[in-house]
């Protein structure tokens, strides 16, 4: 399992109308500057919970956790084991 690739794929799914190629952005590029918003973050959390069979803690549902691919990967490592 490659968590970074999984995150990029899930970002593509929740932002399917976006022209951004999430496979090519930098791991520290600001997702909010690329059009990712709070609605997308909620959809991302739902998708991640479904894909991994996890339930994320409410304290992890702050937008700053979802501003870069690296931050999302770091957060998901708390819940997902390789």
N, C-alpha and C. Protein backbone atom coordinates (compact mmCIF):
# COMPACT_ATOMS: atom_id res chain seq x y z
N UNK A 1 0.86 -1.18 0.00
CA UNK A 1 0.00 0.00 0.00
C UNK A 1 0.90 1.24 0.00
N UNK A 2 0.64 2.14 -0.91
CA UNK A 2 1.34 3.41 -0.95
C UNK A 2 0.33 4.49 -0.59
N UNK A 3 0.45 4.95 0.64
CA UNK A 3 -0.54 5.89 1.17
C UNK A 3 -0.57 7.19 0.37
N UNK A 4 0.58 7.68 -0.07
CA UNK A 4 0.59 8.93 -0.83
C UNK A 4 -0.16 8.76 -2.15
N UNK A 5 0.06 7.66 -2.83
CA UNK A 5 -0.68 7.42 -4.08
C UNK A 5 -2.17 7.29 -3.82
N UNK A 6 -2.53 6.62 -2.73
CA UNK A 6 -3.94 6.49 -2.35
C UNK A 6 -4.57 7.86 -2.12
N UNK A 7 -3.85 8.73 -1.41
CA UNK A 7 -4.36 10.08 -1.13
C UNK A 7 -4.57 10.84 -2.43
N UNK A 8 -3.61 10.75 -3.32
CA UNK A 8 -3.74 11.45 -4.60
C UNK A 8 -4.96 10.94 -5.39
N UNK A 9 -5.17 9.63 -5.37
CA UNK A 9 -6.32 9.05 -6.06
C UNK A 9 -7.63 9.52 -5.43
N UNK A 10 -7.69 9.53 -4.10
CA UNK A 10 -8.91 9.99 -3.42
C UNK A 10 -9.16 11.47 -3.67
N UNK A 11 -8.08 12.27 -3.73
CA UNK A 11 -8.24 13.69 -4.05
C UNK A 11 -8.84 13.84 -5.45
N UNK A 12 -8.37 13.04 -6.38
CA UNK A 12 -8.91 13.08 -7.75
C UNK A 12 -10.39 12.72 -7.76
N UNK A 13 -10.77 11.78 -6.91
CA UNK A 13 -12.17 11.36 -6.86
C UNK A 13 -13.06 12.45 -6.26
N UNK A 14 -12.63 13.08 -5.17
CA UNK A 14 -13.49 14.09 -4.54
C UNK A 14 -13.48 15.40 -5.31
N UNK A 15 -12.49 15.59 -6.19
CA UNK A 15 -12.43 16.79 -7.01
C UNK A 15 -12.48 16.42 -8.48
N UNK A 16 -13.40 15.52 -8.82
CA UNK A 16 -13.46 15.00 -10.18
C UNK A 16 -13.72 16.06 -11.24
N UNK A 17 -14.30 17.19 -10.85
CA UNK A 17 -14.55 18.26 -11.82
C UNK A 17 -13.36 19.20 -11.98
N UNK A 18 -12.31 18.98 -11.21
CA UNK A 18 -11.13 19.83 -11.25
C UNK A 18 -10.24 19.45 -12.43
N UNK A 19 -9.52 20.43 -12.93
CA UNK A 19 -8.56 20.18 -14.00
C UNK A 19 -7.19 19.84 -13.44
N UNK A 20 -7.05 19.81 -12.11
CA UNK A 20 -5.77 19.53 -11.47
C UNK A 20 -5.44 18.05 -11.61
N UNK A 21 -4.20 17.76 -12.00
CA UNK A 21 -3.72 16.38 -12.06
C UNK A 21 -2.99 16.12 -10.74
N UNK A 22 -3.68 15.46 -9.82
CA UNK A 22 -3.13 15.26 -8.49
C UNK A 22 -1.95 14.31 -8.47
N UNK A 23 -1.74 13.57 -9.54
CA UNK A 23 -0.57 12.70 -9.61
C UNK A 23 0.70 13.50 -9.87
N UNK A 24 0.54 14.76 -10.28
CA UNK A 24 1.70 15.57 -10.66
C UNK A 24 1.98 16.75 -9.74
N UNK A 25 1.12 17.01 -8.78
CA UNK A 25 1.38 18.15 -7.89
C UNK A 25 2.42 17.76 -6.85
N UNK A 26 3.07 18.77 -6.28
CA UNK A 26 4.05 18.51 -5.23
C UNK A 26 3.36 18.08 -3.95
N UNK A 27 4.06 17.28 -3.17
CA UNK A 27 3.48 16.77 -1.93
C UNK A 27 3.22 17.87 -0.92
N UNK A 28 3.87 19.02 -1.10
CA UNK A 28 3.66 20.15 -0.18
C UNK A 28 2.94 21.32 -0.84
N UNK A 29 2.41 21.11 -2.05
CA UNK A 29 1.62 22.17 -2.69
C UNK A 29 0.34 22.39 -1.88
N UNK A 30 -0.06 23.65 -1.77
CA UNK A 30 -1.25 23.99 -1.00
C UNK A 30 -2.50 23.60 -1.79
N UNK A 31 -3.23 22.64 -1.26
CA UNK A 31 -4.43 22.14 -1.94
C UNK A 31 -5.52 23.20 -2.02
N UNK A 32 -5.59 24.07 -1.04
CA UNK A 32 -6.63 25.11 -1.05
C UNK A 32 -6.40 26.10 -2.18
N UNK A 33 -5.13 26.33 -2.52
CA UNK A 33 -4.83 27.20 -3.66
C UNK A 33 -5.18 26.53 -4.99
N UNK A 34 -5.35 25.21 -4.96
CA UNK A 34 -5.72 24.46 -6.17
C UNK A 34 -7.22 24.21 -6.26
N UNK A 35 -7.98 24.82 -5.35
CA UNK A 35 -9.43 24.70 -5.41
C UNK A 35 -10.06 23.75 -4.42
N UNK A 36 -9.24 23.06 -3.62
CA UNK A 36 -9.75 22.15 -2.59
C UNK A 36 -10.35 22.99 -1.48
N UNK A 37 -11.59 22.68 -1.08
CA UNK A 37 -12.26 23.46 -0.05
C UNK A 37 -12.82 22.59 1.05
N UNK A 38 -13.57 23.20 1.94
CA UNK A 38 -14.09 22.48 3.10
C UNK A 38 -15.06 21.37 2.68
N UNK A 39 -15.86 21.60 1.66
CA UNK A 39 -16.76 20.56 1.17
C UNK A 39 -15.96 19.36 0.66
N UNK A 40 -14.87 19.64 -0.07
CA UNK A 40 -14.01 18.57 -0.56
C UNK A 40 -13.36 17.82 0.60
N UNK A 41 -12.97 18.55 1.64
CA UNK A 41 -12.34 17.91 2.80
C UNK A 41 -13.30 16.94 3.48
N UNK A 42 -14.55 17.34 3.62
CA UNK A 42 -15.56 16.46 4.22
C UNK A 42 -15.73 15.21 3.37
N UNK A 43 -15.85 15.40 2.06
CA UNK A 43 -15.99 14.26 1.16
C UNK A 43 -14.76 13.36 1.20
N UNK A 44 -13.58 13.97 1.33
CA UNK A 44 -12.35 13.18 1.43
C UNK A 44 -12.37 12.31 2.68
N UNK A 45 -12.76 12.89 3.82
CA UNK A 45 -12.81 12.14 5.07
C UNK A 45 -13.77 10.95 4.95
N UNK A 46 -14.94 11.20 4.39
CA UNK A 46 -15.92 10.12 4.21
C UNK A 46 -15.33 9.01 3.34
N UNK A 47 -14.69 9.39 2.24
CA UNK A 47 -14.10 8.41 1.33
C UNK A 47 -12.98 7.64 2.01
N UNK A 48 -12.12 8.32 2.73
CA UNK A 48 -11.01 7.65 3.43
C UNK A 48 -11.55 6.68 4.48
N UNK A 49 -12.56 7.10 5.22
CA UNK A 49 -13.15 6.22 6.23
C UNK A 49 -13.75 4.97 5.59
N UNK A 50 -14.40 5.15 4.46
CA UNK A 50 -14.98 4.00 3.75
C UNK A 50 -13.90 3.09 3.18
N UNK A 51 -12.90 3.68 2.54
CA UNK A 51 -11.84 2.89 1.90
C UNK A 51 -11.01 2.09 2.89
N UNK A 52 -10.76 2.67 4.06
CA UNK A 52 -9.87 2.03 5.02
C UNK A 52 -10.61 1.39 6.20
N UNK A 53 -11.92 1.55 6.26
CA UNK A 53 -12.68 0.99 7.36
C UNK A 53 -12.30 1.60 8.70
N UNK A 54 -12.10 2.90 8.70
CA UNK A 54 -11.68 3.62 9.90
C UNK A 54 -12.73 4.65 10.28
N UNK A 55 -12.62 5.17 11.49
CA UNK A 55 -13.42 6.32 11.91
C UNK A 55 -12.46 7.34 12.49
N UNK A 56 -12.35 8.46 11.80
CA UNK A 56 -11.41 9.49 12.22
C UNK A 56 -11.97 10.26 13.41
N UNK A 57 -11.09 10.60 14.31
CA UNK A 57 -11.46 11.34 15.50
C UNK A 57 -11.87 12.76 15.12
N UNK A 58 -12.87 13.29 15.81
CA UNK A 58 -13.34 14.65 15.53
C UNK A 58 -12.23 15.69 15.64
N UNK A 59 -11.26 15.45 16.51
CA UNK A 59 -10.16 16.42 16.68
C UNK A 59 -9.27 16.50 15.45
N UNK A 60 -9.36 15.50 14.57
CA UNK A 60 -8.56 15.50 13.34
C UNK A 60 -9.31 16.10 12.16
N UNK A 61 -10.49 16.59 12.39
CA UNK A 61 -11.31 17.12 11.30
C UNK A 61 -11.16 18.63 11.13
N UNK A 62 -9.93 19.14 11.34
CA UNK A 62 -9.67 20.56 11.11
C UNK A 62 -9.03 20.74 9.74
N UNK A 63 -9.36 21.82 9.08
CA UNK A 63 -8.93 22.02 7.70
C UNK A 63 -7.42 22.03 7.51
N UNK A 64 -6.66 22.45 8.51
CA UNK A 64 -5.21 22.50 8.35
C UNK A 64 -4.60 21.11 8.15
N UNK A 65 -5.31 20.07 8.56
CA UNK A 65 -4.83 18.71 8.33
C UNK A 65 -4.93 18.30 6.86
N UNK A 66 -5.63 19.09 6.07
CA UNK A 66 -5.92 18.71 4.69
C UNK A 66 -5.39 19.72 3.68
N UNK A 67 -4.35 20.48 4.05
CA UNK A 67 -3.87 21.52 3.14
C UNK A 67 -2.79 21.05 2.17
N UNK A 68 -2.16 19.92 2.46
CA UNK A 68 -1.16 19.36 1.54
C UNK A 68 -1.30 17.84 1.51
N UNK A 69 -0.78 17.22 0.48
CA UNK A 69 -0.78 15.76 0.40
C UNK A 69 0.00 15.20 1.58
N UNK A 70 1.16 15.79 1.90
CA UNK A 70 1.97 15.30 3.01
C UNK A 70 1.21 15.34 4.33
N UNK A 71 0.48 16.41 4.59
CA UNK A 71 -0.27 16.51 5.84
C UNK A 71 -1.37 15.46 5.92
N UNK A 72 -2.01 15.19 4.80
CA UNK A 72 -3.06 14.16 4.79
C UNK A 72 -2.45 12.79 5.03
N UNK A 73 -1.32 12.51 4.39
CA UNK A 73 -0.65 11.23 4.58
C UNK A 73 -0.26 11.05 6.04
N UNK A 74 0.31 12.09 6.63
CA UNK A 74 0.70 12.04 8.04
C UNK A 74 -0.50 11.75 8.92
N UNK A 75 -1.60 12.40 8.66
CA UNK A 75 -2.82 12.18 9.44
C UNK A 75 -3.31 10.74 9.28
N UNK A 76 -3.39 10.26 8.05
CA UNK A 76 -3.91 8.92 7.82
C UNK A 76 -3.03 7.84 8.43
N UNK A 77 -1.74 8.10 8.57
CA UNK A 77 -0.85 7.10 9.19
C UNK A 77 -1.26 6.79 10.63
N UNK A 78 -1.95 7.71 11.26
CA UNK A 78 -2.45 7.46 12.63
C UNK A 78 -3.50 6.36 12.64
N UNK A 79 -4.17 6.17 11.52
CA UNK A 79 -5.31 5.27 11.44
C UNK A 79 -5.06 4.02 10.60
N UNK A 80 -4.13 4.13 9.65
CA UNK A 80 -3.93 3.07 8.68
C UNK A 80 -2.54 2.47 8.87
N UNK A 81 -2.49 1.17 8.98
CA UNK A 81 -1.20 0.50 9.05
C UNK A 81 -0.89 -0.14 7.71
N UNK A 82 0.36 -0.11 7.36
CA UNK A 82 0.77 -0.66 6.05
C UNK A 82 0.69 -2.16 6.02
